[in-house]
C-alpha cells in the first residue's frame, strides 16, 4: 500500500512570500472596498451581515446574547463569528473596520494555507513567487466572501485546514477534533467534517488498537467543544441547533422541488464562473491520482467536497454567487491547483508540453485579472442593493414610524441594527414559531392579525398575496435594484380584515 507520507516534503514559506501574499490580500480588499465606495457606498452585500453585527453589539455593550435587548435568541448562525465581531465594538472599530479586517485576515490565512499545502504535497513545486497563494488571494468568490461581513471565509479556512491536514497524512487527531468542533461554532454544517476524518482514520490507521486510539483522541477534541455548542443553543433558543438551521430548510422548500439536473447546472455555473473553470480538469486529475495511489486523505477530502456541494444544492438555493457553497470552494480550487502544479513540472506532451503550459497559464492569468474587476463591480452592486433597500428602509422606519408600532419583516438584519421597534420575524430567526407556516401566506396573515402587527416590510413579489391589497406607506425607489431587474422594498400598513 502506498501512503501519502512517502510523497511529502517540507518546503517552508519565506518571509518575502508572506509579505507578497499579504500585499495581494490588502490590494484586493482595497479594490473591493473602493469599488463599493465610488459606485455606491461602503456597506455589506448581505442583510444577514447586520444580524451578526446586532448580536455582536448587544454582546459587547450589554453582555447579552440577543437580537433585541432583553430577549435572548438563537438567531445567529455563527456564535463564534458574532463573538469575534463583538471585539470590534469594544475597540470602537465596528461595524466596518474590524469586520473588514477579520475578513482580510481570514483571506490571508487561507492563501498561506493553500500555498503551504501545494508545497507540502507536490515535490516539484518550489516556486520563486507564491503564485498559489496569489491565486487564493485574488479569486473573486473568496474576496467577495472576505468583504461580506459574514462567517463564510472563516468557515472555509477551518474546513480547508482540517482537510489539508488529512491530505498530508497527519496523525494529530486531538487537534483535528478541536478544529472540527470549532467549525461547528462557526457554522452547523461543520458537522460534515466528521465523515472525512473518520474515513481517514479507518483507512490509514494500522490495526484495531491504533484505530481506537486515534478515534478516542478525535472524539475527545471534538466533543469538548460540541457539547458546549449544544448547551449554548439549548440555553438561548431551546433547541440544540440555532433557529436558522430549521428556518432555512423550511423557507426554501420550493427550491427542493426543482429537478436535480437543473439544480446541478446552477451549481456548476456558480462554481465555475471565473478562473476555477480552468481548474476543473485538474480536479478530475487529482481524483484519479488519489484513487490510484490510495491517498486516502485526499480521497476523503474529495468525497467531502462532493457531498457538501450535493447537500446544499438539495436544500438551499444557489443565489448571491453561491454563498452557501463558498466554504467548499477553497478545497475544490486546491485540488485543481495541486494537479496543475504537478502537470507544470511534467512532460505529458513531450516537446510540446510547453504549449499546454502556456495555454493553461495564460488562461488562468487572464481570468484571475478579469474577475478582479468583475467581482469588485458585482460586490459593489450587491452592497448598493442592501444599502438602498434594507438599510434605507430601516433608517426610514426608525425616523418616521411611531415608537410603539409593531413591525413584521422577512429581512431583519438592518432593522435590528438601525431600528429599535418591536419585530415579528417572518424568516423565523428570532420568531421560531413562524417556521412551520413561513411559506403559507394565508396562515401568515392570520398570525399577523393575532400578533397585532401594524406594518409589514417586504419585497412585493415575495409575498404577493399579503401585499396585493395592502396600503403602501414607503418605497425605497432604489435605482440599483430596479436596474438589476428586481422590485424595491416597500413598507405596508397592515390592517386586519
Foldseek 3Di string as FASTA:
>chain_A
DFELLVQWDADDDDPVQLVVLLVLLVVLLCLLQVLLPVVFRGDALDLLLLQLVQQLCCCQPPVARPLAPPAFAQLNQAQVLSVQCNVCVVVVNDDARSLLVVLSVLLSLLLNVLLRLLVTRHVLDDDPHSVSSSLSSLFLLSSSVSRRSALLSVLLSLLVVLLSCLLNVDLQQLVSLQSLLNSCNGHVCSVLSVQLVLQSLVPPADDPVRSVVSVVSNCVNNVVRLVVQQVVNCVRHVGSHAQLVLLQQLVVVVLLPPDPVVLVVVLCVLLCQFLCVLLPVLLVVLCVVCVVSVSSSLVSLVVSLVVQSVVDSNGHHCPPSRSSSSSSNSVSSSSSVSSVSNLVPDQPPPPCSVVVVVVSVVSNVVRSVVCSNVSSNSRSLSRLQCCLAVQVVLQCCQPPPDQAAEEEEQSCSNVSVRHNHHYDHLSCNRPVVNSVPSQPLVVVLVVCVVVVHFKYKDFCVSRVPQPVPFAFDDWSPRVSQVVVPGGTITITGDDRD
